[in-house]
Amino acid sequence: MKTIAIGAIVALLSLGALAIASGEPDAARGAHLFYTHGCYGCHTIGAAGTPIGPDLSRAGSRHREAWFVRWLADPTRERPGAHMPKLGLDTADVTALAAFLGDQRAE
């Protein structure tokens, strides 16, 4: 199981790197950011990640992309006492990560 998760992370990092190089949409860049900024250390998407925080496999079914932009910019402003740290990402990275999370609609 751990080998599959590591393989999934490597595959997504590779896709994200290709997306950045080719100028693909924000969601592809957001996938790369999810792994390079360590979001998988607290969250899962599919089999990849650590289940400390919420599973984000269906995050796009629960929230719109605009909500993710606000949340990622300052989680405690959206929900005081939130355990999610302020990530300090620039606007472009917040937008890309929000697009990626908004696309997560696993069934």
PDB file of N, CA and C in Angstrom:
ATOM      1  N   MET A   1       0.824  -1.187   0.000  1.00  0.00           N
ATOM      2  CA  MET A   1       0.000   0.000   0.000  1.00  0.00           C
ATOM      3  C   MET A   1       0.872   1.257   0.000  1.00  0.00           C
ATOM      4  N   LYS A   2       1.942   1.251   0.813  1.00  0.00           N
ATOM      5  CA  LYS A   2       2.831   2.402   0.891  1.00  0.00           C
ATOM      6  C   LYS A   2       3.518   2.634  -0.452  1.00  0.00           C
ATOM      7  N   THR A   3       3.875   1.548  -1.155  1.00  0.00           N
ATOM      8  CA  THR A   3       4.519   1.660  -2.454  1.00  0.00           C
ATOM      9  C   THR A   3       3.580   2.308  -3.466  1.00  0.00           C
ATOM     10  N   ILE A   4       2.311   1.958  -3.409  1.00  0.00           N
ATOM     11  CA  ILE A   4       1.325   2.552  -4.312  1.00  0.00           C
ATOM     12  C   ILE A   4       1.197   4.039  -4.037  1.00  0.00           C
ATOM     13  N   ALA A   5       1.126   4.422  -2.767  1.00  0.00           N
ATOM     14  CA  ALA A   5       1.007   5.838  -2.400  1.00  0.00           C
ATOM     15  C   ALA A   5       2.226   6.621  -2.872  1.00  0.00           C
ATOM     16  N   ILE A   6       3.416   6.070  -2.694  1.00  0.00           N
ATOM     17  CA  ILE A   6       4.632   6.746  -3.135  1.00  0.00           C
ATOM     18  C   ILE A   6       4.632   6.878  -4.652  1.00  0.00           C
ATOM     19  N   GLY A   7       4.211   5.829  -5.337  1.00  0.00           N
ATOM     20  CA  GLY A   7       4.114   5.875  -6.798  1.00  0.00           C
ATOM     21  C   GLY A   7       3.139   6.940  -7.262  1.00  0.00           C
ATOM     22  N   ALA A   8       2.013   7.071  -6.560  1.00  0.00           N
ATOM     23  CA  ALA A   8       1.018   8.093  -6.907  1.00  0.00           C
ATOM     24  C   ALA A   8       1.598   9.483  -6.712  1.00  0.00           C
ATOM     25  N   ILE A   9       2.333   9.684  -5.638  1.00  0.00           N
ATOM     26  CA  ILE A   9       2.947  10.992  -5.376  1.00  0.00           C
ATOM     27  C   ILE A   9       3.962  11.326  -6.460  1.00  0.00           C
ATOM     28  N   VAL A  10       4.803  10.378  -6.817  1.00  0.00           N
ATOM     29  CA  VAL A  10       5.809  10.610  -7.858  1.00  0.00           C
ATOM     30  C   VAL A  10       5.135  10.933  -9.190  1.00  0.00           C
ATOM     31  N   ALA A  11       4.082  10.199  -9.528  1.00  0.00           N
ATOM     32  CA  ALA A  11       3.369  10.448 -10.784  1.00  0.00           C
ATOM     33  C   ALA A  11       2.747  11.841 -10.800  1.00  0.00           C
ATOM     34  N   LEU A  12       2.124  12.233  -9.707  1.00  0.00           N
ATOM     35  CA  LEU A  12       1.507  13.557  -9.654  1.00  0.00           C
ATOM     36  C   LEU A  12       2.545  14.665  -9.679  1.00  0.00           C
ATOM     37  N   LEU A  13       3.672  14.473  -9.020  1.00  0.00           N
ATOM     38  CA  LEU A  13       4.745  15.471  -9.078  1.00  0.00           C
ATOM     39  C   LEU A  13       5.247  15.625 -10.506  1.00  0.00           C
ATOM     40  N   SER A  14       5.398  14.520 -11.208  1.00  0.00           N
ATOM     41  CA  SER A  14       5.867  14.566 -12.593  1.00  0.00           C
ATOM     42  C   SER A  14       4.873  15.294 -13.474  1.00  0.00           C
ATOM     43  N   LEU A  15       3.580  14.986 -13.309  1.00  0.00           N
ATOM     44  CA  LEU A  15       2.550  15.667 -14.086  1.00  0.00           C
ATOM     45  C   LEU A  15       2.525  17.150 -13.774  1.00  0.00           C
ATOM     46  N   GLY A  16       2.647  17.490 -12.510  1.00  0.00           N
ATOM     47  CA  GLY A  16       2.652  18.893 -12.119  1.00  0.00           C
ATOM     48  C   GLY A  16       3.833  19.640 -12.705  1.00  0.00           C
ATOM     49  N   ALA A  17       4.995  19.014 -12.703  1.00  0.00           N
ATOM     50  CA  ALA A  17       6.189  19.648 -13.272  1.00  0.00           C
ATOM     51  C   ALA A  17       6.008  19.870 -14.772  1.00  0.00           C
ATOM     52  N   LEU A  18       5.441  18.900 -15.462  1.00  0.00           N
ATOM     53  CA  LEU A  18       5.165  19.057 -16.887  1.00  0.00           C
ATOM     54  C   LEU A  18       4.155  20.164 -17.130  1.00  0.00           C
ATOM     55  N   ALA A  19       3.143  20.249 -16.284  1.00  0.00           N
ATOM     56  CA  ALA A  19       2.111  21.270 -16.433  1.00  0.00           C
ATOM     57  C   ALA A  19       2.703  22.659 -16.278  1.00  0.00           C
ATOM     58  N   ILE A  20       3.584  22.826 -15.308  1.00  0.00           N
ATOM     59  CA  ILE A  20       4.212  24.132 -15.097  1.00  0.00           C
ATOM     60  C   ILE A  20       5.072  24.489 -16.302  1.00  0.00           C
ATOM     61  N   ALA A  21       5.834  23.527 -16.789  1.00  0.00           N
ATOM     62  CA  ALA A  21       6.718  23.775 -17.918  1.00  0.00           C
ATOM     63  C   ALA A  21       5.938  24.114 -19.187  1.00  0.00           C
ATOM     64  N   SER A  22       4.779  23.504 -19.372  1.00  0.00           N
ATOM     65  CA  SER A  22       4.017  23.726 -20.595  1.00  0.00           C
ATOM     66  C   SER A  22       2.956  24.806 -20.445  1.00  0.00           C
ATOM     67  N   GLY A  23       2.853  25.420 -19.265  1.00  0.00           N
ATOM     68  CA  GLY A  23       1.884  26.485 -19.065  1.00  0.00           C
ATOM     69  C   GLY A  23       0.447  25.994 -18.991  1.00  0.00           C
ATOM     70  N   GLU A  24       0.234  24.776 -18.537  1.00  0.00           N
ATOM     71  CA  GLU A  24      -1.126  24.237 -18.433  1.00  0.00           C
ATOM     72  C   GLU A  24      -1.912  24.966 -17.360  1.00  0.00           C
ATOM     73  N   PRO A  25      -3.205  24.694 -17.278  1.00  0.00           N
ATOM     74  CA  PRO A  25      -4.092  25.403 -16.352  1.00  0.00           C
ATOM     75  C   PRO A  25      -3.682  25.291 -14.883  1.00  0.00           C
ATOM     76  N   ASP A  26      -4.278  26.172 -14.096  1.00  0.00           N
ATOM     77  CA  ASP A  26      -3.975  26.253 -12.668  1.00  0.00           C
ATOM     78  C   ASP A  26      -4.157  24.928 -11.938  1.00  0.00           C
ATOM     79  N   ALA A  27      -5.167  24.139 -12.275  1.00  0.00           N
ATOM     80  CA  ALA A  27      -5.415  22.894 -11.542  1.00  0.00           C
ATOM     81  C   ALA A  27      -4.214  21.956 -11.625  1.00  0.00           C
ATOM     82  N   ALA A  28      -3.578  21.874 -12.772  1.00  0.00           N
ATOM     83  CA  ALA A  28      -2.393  21.016 -12.912  1.00  0.00           C
ATOM     84  C   ALA A  28      -1.242  21.568 -12.071  1.00  0.00           C
ATOM     85  N   ARG A  29      -1.078  22.875 -12.070  1.00  0.00           N
ATOM     86  CA  ARG A  29      -0.059  23.496 -11.229  1.00  0.00           C
ATOM     87  C   ARG A  29      -0.389  23.287  -9.762  1.00  0.00           C
ATOM     88  N   GLY A  30      -1.676  23.348  -9.433  1.00  0.00           N
ATOM     89  CA  GLY A  30      -2.119  23.135  -8.059  1.00  0.00           C
ATOM     90  C   GLY A  30      -1.797  21.736  -7.566  1.00  0.00           C
ATOM     91  N   ALA A  31      -1.898  20.738  -8.445  1.00  0.00           N
ATOM     92  CA  ALA A  31      -1.544  19.364  -8.074  1.00  0.00           C
ATOM     93  C   ALA A  31      -0.075  19.300  -7.679  1.00  0.00           C
ATOM     94  N   HIS A  32       0.753  19.964  -8.445  1.00  0.00           N
ATOM     95  CA  HIS A  32       2.186  20.013  -8.135  1.00  0.00           C
ATOM     96  C   HIS A  32       2.411  20.704  -6.793  1.00  0.00           C
ATOM     97  N   LEU A  33       1.728  21.804  -6.556  1.00  0.00           N
ATOM     98  CA  LEU A  33       1.870  22.546  -5.298  1.00  0.00           C
ATOM     99  C   LEU A  33       1.416  21.720  -4.100  1.00  0.00           C
ATOM    100  N   PHE A  34       0.347  20.934  -4.273  1.00  0.00           N
ATOM    101  CA  PHE A  34      -0.166  20.096  -3.194  1.00  0.00           C
ATOM    102  C   PHE A  34       0.939  19.194  -2.645  1.00  0.00           C
ATOM    103  N   TYR A  35       1.758  18.667  -3.538  1.00  0.00           N
ATOM    104  CA  TYR A  35       2.822  17.758  -3.110  1.00  0.00           C
ATOM    105  C   TYR A  35       4.112  18.484  -2.752  1.00  0.00           C
ATOM    106  N   THR A  36       4.475  19.524  -3.471  1.00  0.00           N
ATOM    107  CA  THR A  36       5.734  20.201  -3.162  1.00  0.00           C
ATOM    108  C   THR A  36       5.654  21.031  -1.887  1.00  0.00           C
ATOM    109  N   HIS A  37       4.459  21.478  -1.520  1.00  0.00           N
ATOM    110  CA  HIS A  37       4.306  22.242  -0.284  1.00  0.00           C
ATOM    111  C   HIS A  37       3.918  21.359   0.897  1.00  0.00           C
ATOM    112  N   GLY A  38       3.871  20.054   0.690  1.00  0.00           N
ATOM    113  CA  GLY A  38       3.660  19.113   1.787  1.00  0.00           C
ATOM    114  C   GLY A  38       2.235  18.976   2.287  1.00  0.00           C
ATOM    115  N   CYS A  39       1.243  19.392   1.508  1.00  0.00           N
ATOM    116  CA  CYS A  39      -0.159  19.275   1.937  1.00  0.00           C
ATOM    117  C   CYS A  39      -0.533  17.818   2.232  1.00  0.00           C
ATOM    118  N   TYR A  40       0.108  16.898   1.506  1.00  0.00           N
ATOM    119  CA  TYR A  40      -0.157  15.464   1.702  1.00  0.00           C
ATOM    120  C   TYR A  40       0.310  14.986   3.083  1.00  0.00           C
ATOM    121  N   GLY A  41       1.080  15.799   3.781  1.00  0.00           N
ATOM    122  CA  GLY A  41       1.531  15.438   5.123  1.00  0.00           C
ATOM    123  C   GLY A  41       0.395  15.427   6.134  1.00  0.00           C
ATOM    124  N   CYS A  42      -0.684  16.128   5.814  1.00  0.00           N
ATOM    125  CA  CYS A  42      -1.859  16.169   6.705  1.00  0.00           C
ATOM    126  C   CYS A  42      -3.144  15.718   6.014  1.00  0.00           C
ATOM    127  N   HIS A  43      -3.162  15.734   4.690  1.00  0.00           N
ATOM    128  CA  HIS A  43      -4.384  15.428   3.945  1.00  0.00           C
ATOM    129  C   HIS A  43      -4.165  14.272   2.981  1.00  0.00           C
ATOM    130  N   THR A  44      -5.242  13.582   2.676  1.00  0.00           N
ATOM    131  CA  THR A  44      -5.196  12.527   1.662  1.00  0.00           C
ATOM    132  C   THR A  44      -6.024  12.949   0.457  1.00  0.00           C
ATOM    133  N   ILE A  45      -5.597  12.452  -0.682  1.00  0.00           N
ATOM    134  CA  ILE A  45      -6.389  12.488  -1.911  1.00  0.00           C
ATOM    135  C   ILE A  45      -6.211  11.101  -2.497  1.00  0.00           C
ATOM    136  N   GLY A  46      -7.280  10.344  -2.531  1.00  0.00           N
ATOM    137  CA  GLY A  46      -7.179   8.951  -2.935  1.00  0.00           C
ATOM    138  C   GLY A  46      -6.337   8.190  -1.927  1.00  0.00           C
ATOM    139  N   ALA A  47      -5.375   7.418  -2.419  1.00  0.00           N
ATOM    140  CA  ALA A  47      -4.525   6.614  -1.540  1.00  0.00           C
ATOM    141  C   ALA A  47      -3.297   7.373  -1.061  1.00  0.00           C
ATOM    142  N   ALA A  48      -3.049   8.555  -1.598  1.00  0.00           N
ATOM    143  CA  ALA A  48      -1.840   9.301  -1.257  1.00  0.00           C
ATOM    144  C   ALA A  48      -2.081  10.256  -0.095  1.00  0.00           C
ATOM    145  N   GLY A  49      -1.134  10.319   0.818  1.00  0.00           N
ATOM    146  CA  GLY A  49      -1.193  11.281   1.896  1.00  0.00           C
ATOM    147  C   GLY A  49      -1.336  10.655   3.268  1.00  0.00           C
ATOM    148  N   THR A  50      -1.503  11.535   4.256  1.00  0.00           N
ATOM    149  CA  THR A  50      -1.620  11.140   5.651  1.00  0.00           C
ATOM    150  C   THR A  50      -2.945  11.651   6.204  1.00  0.00           C
ATOM    151  N   PRO A  51      -3.735  10.785   6.814  1.00  0.00           N
ATOM    152  CA  PRO A  51      -5.074  11.189   7.272  1.00  0.00           C
ATOM    153  C   PRO A  51      -5.103  11.912   8.622  1.00  0.00           C
ATOM    154  N   ILE A  52      -4.339  12.991   8.748  1.00  0.00           N
ATOM    155  CA  ILE A  52      -4.396  13.809   9.956  1.00  0.00           C
ATOM    156  C   ILE A  52      -5.542  14.808   9.827  1.00  0.00           C
ATOM    157  N   GLY A  53      -5.551  15.532   8.708  1.00  0.00           N
ATOM    158  CA  GLY A  53      -6.624  16.476   8.399  1.00  0.00           C
ATOM    159  C   GLY A  53      -7.666  15.801   7.524  1.00  0.00           C
ATOM    160  N   PRO A  54      -8.631  16.570   7.052  1.00  0.00           N
ATOM    161  CA  PRO A  54      -9.693  16.002   6.216  1.00  0.00           C
ATOM    162  C   PRO A  54      -9.178  15.393   4.909  1.00  0.00           C
ATOM    163  N   ASP A  55      -9.847  14.326   4.462  1.00  0.00           N
ATOM    164  CA  ASP A  55      -9.604  13.752   3.145  1.00  0.00           C
ATOM    165  C   ASP A  55     -10.113  14.757   2.120  1.00  0.00           C
ATOM    166  N   LEU A  56      -9.320  15.065   1.126  1.00  0.00           N
ATOM    167  CA  LEU A  56      -9.689  16.078   0.142  1.00  0.00           C
ATOM    168  C   LEU A  56     -10.122  15.478  -1.197  1.00  0.00           C
ATOM    169  N   SER A  57     -10.348  14.166  -1.231  1.00  0.00           N
ATOM    170  CA  SER A  57     -10.732  13.498  -2.472  1.00  0.00           C
ATOM    171  C   SER A  57     -12.044  14.025  -3.053  1.00  0.00           C
ATOM    172  N   ARG A  58     -12.918  14.547  -2.204  1.00  0.00           N
ATOM    173  CA  ARG A  58     -14.217  15.072  -2.662  1.00  0.00           C
ATOM    174  C   ARG A  58     -14.383  16.553  -2.299  1.00  0.00           C
ATOM    175  N   ALA A  59     -13.280  17.224  -2.052  1.00  0.00           N
ATOM    176  CA  ALA A  59     -13.337  18.619  -1.601  1.00  0.00           C
ATOM    177  C   ALA A  59     -14.106  19.510  -2.572  1.00  0.00           C
ATOM    178  N   GLY A  60     -13.955  19.282  -3.865  1.00  0.00           N
ATOM    179  CA  GLY A  60     -14.656  20.082  -4.873  1.00  0.00           C
ATOM    180  C   GLY A  60     -16.149  19.863  -4.882  1.00  0.00           C
ATOM    181  N   SER A  61     -16.614  18.760  -4.315  1.00  0.00           N
ATOM    182  CA  SER A  61     -18.052  18.501  -4.195  1.00  0.00           C
ATOM    183  C   SER A  61     -18.645  19.259  -3.020  1.00  0.00           C
ATOM    184  N   ARG A  62     -17.808  19.651  -2.068  1.00  0.00           N
ATOM    185  CA  ARG A  62     -18.278  20.336  -0.860  1.00  0.00           C
ATOM    186  C   ARG A  62     -18.126  21.848  -0.922  1.00  0.00           C
ATOM    187  N   HIS A  63     -17.121  22.320  -1.647  1.00  0.00           N
ATOM    188  CA  HIS A  63     -16.839  23.761  -1.679  1.00  0.00           C
ATOM    189  C   HIS A  63     -16.532  24.213  -3.094  1.00  0.00           C
ATOM    190  N   ARG A  64     -16.823  25.479  -3.358  1.00  0.00           N
ATOM    191  CA  ARG A  64     -16.470  26.088  -4.640  1.00  0.00           C
ATOM    192  C   ARG A  64     -15.040  26.607  -4.586  1.00  0.00           C
ATOM    193  N   GLU A  65     -14.484  26.814  -5.756  1.00  0.00           N
ATOM    194  CA  GLU A  65     -13.101  27.269  -5.865  1.00  0.00           C
ATOM    195  C   GLU A  65     -12.877  28.592  -5.113  1.00  0.00           C
ATOM    196  N   ALA A  66     -13.841  29.499  -5.162  1.00  0.00           N
ATOM    197  CA  ALA A  66     -13.702  30.794  -4.469  1.00  0.00           C
ATOM    198  C   ALA A  66     -13.541  30.601  -2.959  1.00  0.00           C
ATOM    199  N   TRP A  67     -14.224  29.614  -2.402  1.00  0.00           N
ATOM    200  CA  TRP A  67     -14.088  29.331  -0.973  1.00  0.00           C
ATOM    201  C   TRP A  67     -12.658  28.878  -0.667  1.00  0.00           C
ATOM    202  N   PHE A  68     -12.120  28.008  -1.532  1.00  0.00           N
ATOM    203  CA  PHE A  68     -10.751  27.537  -1.327  1.00  0.00           C
ATOM    204  C   PHE A  68      -9.754  28.687  -1.391  1.00  0.00           C
ATOM    205  N   VAL A  69      -9.980  29.655  -2.268  1.00  0.00           N
ATOM    206  CA  VAL A  69      -9.089  30.810  -2.353  1.00  0.00           C
ATOM    207  C   VAL A  69      -9.069  31.537  -1.005  1.00  0.00           C
ATOM    208  N   ARG A  70     -10.240  31.798  -0.444  1.00  0.00           N
ATOM    209  CA  ARG A  70     -10.312  32.480   0.849  1.00  0.00           C
ATOM    210  C   ARG A  70      -9.672  31.627   1.952  1.00  0.00           C
ATOM    211  N   TRP A  71      -9.988  30.335   1.959  1.00  0.00           N
ATOM    212  CA  TRP A  71      -9.473  29.426   2.984  1.00  0.00           C
ATOM    213  C   TRP A  71      -7.948  29.339   2.944  1.00  0.00           C
ATOM    214  N   LEU A  72      -7.393  29.140   1.770  1.00  0.00           N
ATOM    215  CA  LEU A  72      -5.948  28.983   1.634  1.00  0.00           C
ATOM    216  C   LEU A  72      -5.198  30.274   1.941  1.00  0.00           C
ATOM    217  N   ALA A  73      -5.811  31.409   1.665  1.00  0.00           N
ATOM    218  CA  ALA A  73      -5.169  32.694   1.952  1.00  0.00           C
ATOM    219  C   ALA A  73      -5.049  32.921   3.457  1.00  0.00           C
ATOM    220  N   ASP A  74      -6.083  32.527   4.222  1.00  0.00           N
ATOM    221  CA  ASP A  74      -6.055  32.737   5.676  1.00  0.00           C
ATOM    222  C   ASP A  74      -7.125  31.869   6.348  1.00  0.00           C
ATOM    223  N   PRO A  75      -6.774  30.629   6.684  1.00  0.00           N
ATOM    224  CA  PRO A  75      -7.763  29.707   7.264  1.00  0.00           C
ATOM    225  C   PRO A  75      -8.433  30.212   8.542  1.00  0.00           C
ATOM    226  N   THR A  76      -7.689  30.865   9.415  1.00  0.00           N
ATOM    227  CA  THR A  76      -8.295  31.303  10.681  1.00  0.00           C
ATOM    228  C   THR A  76      -9.258  32.468  10.490  1.00  0.00           C
ATOM    229  N   ARG A  77      -9.122  33.205   9.403  1.00  0.00           N
ATOM    230  CA  ARG A  77     -10.103  34.255   9.112  1.00  0.00           C
ATOM    231  C   ARG A  77     -11.436  33.612   8.718  1.00  0.00           C
ATOM    232  N   GLU A  78     -11.359  32.497   8.007  1.00  0.00           N
ATOM    233  CA  GLU A  78     -12.580  31.785   7.597  1.00  0.00           C
ATOM    234  C   GLU A  78     -13.196  31.008   8.756  1.00  0.00           C
ATOM    235  N   ARG A  79     -12.342  30.430   9.593  1.00  0.00           N
ATOM    236  CA  ARG A  79     -12.825  29.665  10.751  1.00  0.00           C
ATOM    237  C   ARG A  79     -11.845  29.844  11.905  1.00  0.00           C
ATOM    238  N   PRO A  80     -12.159  30.780  12.805  1.00  0.00           N
ATOM    239  CA  PRO A  80     -11.266  30.997  13.953  1.00  0.00           C
ATOM    240  C   PRO A  80     -11.012  29.681  14.702  1.00  0.00           C
ATOM    241  N   GLY A  81      -9.774  29.480  15.082  1.00  0.00           N
ATOM    242  CA  GLY A  81      -9.407  28.267  15.796  1.00  0.00           C
ATOM    243  C   GLY A  81      -9.083  27.101  14.875  1.00  0.00           C
ATOM    244  N   ALA A  82      -9.075  27.326  13.558  1.00  0.00           N
ATOM    245  CA  ALA A  82      -8.763  26.257  12.610  1.00  0.00           C
ATOM    246  C   ALA A  82      -7.347  25.742  12.851  1.00  0.00           C
ATOM    247  N   HIS A  83      -7.151  24.447  12.659  1.00  0.00           N
ATOM    248  CA  HIS A  83      -5.827  23.844  12.831  1.00  0.00           C
ATOM    249  C   HIS A  83      -4.957  24.006  11.589  1.00  0.00           C
ATOM    250  N   MET A  84      -5.554  24.420  10.503  1.00  0.00           N
ATOM    251  CA  MET A  84      -4.827  24.616   9.242  1.00  0.00           C
ATOM    252  C   MET A  84      -3.939  25.856   9.365  1.00  0.00           C
ATOM    253  N   PRO A  85      -2.651  25.717   9.090  1.00  0.00           N
ATOM    254  CA  PRO A  85      -1.774  26.885   9.184  1.00  0.00           C
ATOM    255  C   PRO A  85      -1.948  27.812   7.986  1.00  0.00           C
ATOM    256  N   LYS A  86      -1.614  29.067   8.172  1.00  0.00           N
ATOM    257  CA  LYS A  86      -1.560  30.007   7.057  1.00  0.00           C
ATOM    258  C   LYS A  86      -0.320  29.644   6.250  1.00  0.00           C
ATOM    259  N   LEU A  87      -0.499  29.376   4.969  1.00  0.00           N
ATOM    260  CA  LEU A  87       0.577  28.825   4.152  1.00  0.00           C
ATOM    261  C   LEU A  87       1.537  29.865   3.598  1.00  0.00           C
ATOM    262  N   GLY A  88       1.131  31.111   3.531  1.00  0.00           N
ATOM    263  CA  GLY A  88       2.006  32.148   3.011  1.00  0.00           C
ATOM    264  C   GLY A  88       2.259  32.033   1.518  1.00  0.00           C
ATOM    265  N   LEU A  89       1.313  31.486   0.774  1.00  0.00           N
ATOM    266  CA  LEU A  89       1.453  31.350  -0.676  1.00  0.00           C
ATOM    267  C   LEU A  89       1.113  32.673  -1.354  1.00  0.00           C
ATOM    268  N   ASP A  90       1.707  32.917  -2.521  1.00  0.00           N
ATOM    269  CA  ASP A  90       1.332  34.108  -3.269  1.00  0.00           C
ATOM    270  C   ASP A  90      -0.017  33.868  -3.955  1.00  0.00           C
ATOM    271  N   THR A  91      -0.581  34.911  -4.507  1.00  0.00           N
ATOM    272  CA  THR A  91      -1.923  34.846  -5.091  1.00  0.00           C
ATOM    273  C   THR A  91      -2.018  33.805  -6.206  1.00  0.00           C
ATOM    274  N   ALA A  92      -1.005  33.731  -7.056  1.00  0.00           N
ATOM    275  CA  ALA A  92      -1.024  32.764  -8.158  1.00  0.00           C
ATOM    276  C   ALA A  92      -1.030  31.327  -7.639  1.00  0.00           C
ATOM    277  N   ASP A  93      -0.254  31.055  -6.595  1.00  0.00           N
ATOM    278  CA  ASP A  93      -0.215  29.704  -6.028  1.00  0.00           C
ATOM    279  C   ASP A  93      -1.519  29.363  -5.311  1.00  0.00           C
ATOM    280  N   VAL A  94      -2.088  30.321  -4.596  1.00  0.00           N
ATOM    281  CA  VAL A  94      -3.386  30.097  -3.940  1.00  0.00           C
ATOM    282  C   VAL A  94      -4.448  29.769  -4.988  1.00  0.00           C
ATOM    283  N   THR A  95      -4.448  30.524  -6.080  1.00  0.00           N
ATOM    284  CA  THR A  95      -5.420  30.300  -7.157  1.00  0.00           C
ATOM    285  C   THR A  95      -5.245  28.922  -7.781  1.00  0.00           C
ATOM    286  N   ALA A  96      -3.997  28.527  -8.003  1.00  0.00           N
ATOM    287  CA  ALA A  96      -3.721  27.216  -8.605  1.00  0.00           C
ATOM    288  C   ALA A  96      -4.129  26.083  -7.668  1.00  0.00           C
ATOM    289  N   LEU A  97      -3.775  26.197  -6.404  1.00  0.00           N
ATOM    290  CA  LEU A  97      -4.127  25.155  -5.441  1.00  0.00           C
ATOM    291  C   LEU A  97      -5.636  25.084  -5.254  1.00  0.00           C
ATOM    292  N   ALA A  98      -6.309  26.225  -5.257  1.00  0.00           N
ATOM    293  CA  ALA A  98      -7.772  26.256  -5.153  1.00  0.00           C
ATOM    294  C   ALA A  98      -8.425  25.587  -6.362  1.00  0.00           C
ATOM    295  N   ALA A  99      -7.861  25.796  -7.539  1.00  0.00           N
ATOM    296  CA  ALA A  99      -8.391  25.154  -8.747  1.00  0.00           C
ATOM    297  C   ALA A  99      -8.241  23.640  -8.650  1.00  0.00           C
ATOM    298  N   PHE A 100      -7.097  23.182  -8.170  1.00  0.00           N
ATOM    299  CA  PHE A 100      -6.868  21.745  -7.999  1.00  0.00           C
ATOM    300  C   PHE A 100      -7.855  21.151  -6.998  1.00  0.00           C
ATOM    301  N   LEU A 101      -8.014  21.792  -5.854  1.00  0.00           N
ATOM    302  CA  LEU A 101      -8.934  21.273  -4.839  1.00  0.00           C
ATOM    303  C   LEU A 101     -10.374  21.326  -5.318  1.00  0.00           C
ATOM    304  N   GLY A 102     -10.715  22.359  -6.074  1.00  0.00           N
ATOM    305  CA  GLY A 102     -12.057  22.457  -6.632  1.00  0.00           C
ATOM    306  C   GLY A 102     -12.369  21.351  -7.635  1.00  0.00           C
ATOM    307  N   ASP A 103     -11.342  20.792  -8.238  1.00  0.00           N
ATOM    308  CA  ASP A 103     -11.516  19.690  -9.211  1.00  0.00           C
ATOM    309  C   ASP A 103     -11.660  18.330  -8.528  1.00  0.00           C
ATOM    310  N   GLN A 104     -11.408  18.252  -7.234  1.00  0.00           N
ATOM    311  CA  GLN A 104     -11.462  16.962  -6.520  1.00  0.00           C
ATOM    312  C   GLN A 104     -12.910  16.583  -6.242  1.00  0.00           C
ATOM    313  N   ARG A 105     -13.429  15.656  -7.032  1.00  0.00           N
ATOM    314  CA  ARG A 105     -14.829  15.246  -6.909  1.00  0.00           C
ATOM    315  C   ARG A 105     -14.962  13.728  -7.001  1.00  0.00           C
ATOM    316  N   ALA A 106     -14.014  12.989  -6.399  1.00  0.00           N
ATOM    317  CA  ALA A 106     -14.032  11.523  -6.460  1.00  0.00           C
ATOM    318  C   ALA A 106     -15.373  11.000  -5.980  1.00  0.00           C
ATOM    319  N   GLU A 107     -15.793   9.910  -6.567  1.00  0.00           N
ATOM    320  CA  GLU A 107     -17.086   9.350  -6.194  1.00  0.00           C
ATOM    321  C   GLU A 107     -16.958   8.084  -5.419  1.00  0.00           C
TER     322      GLU A 107
END
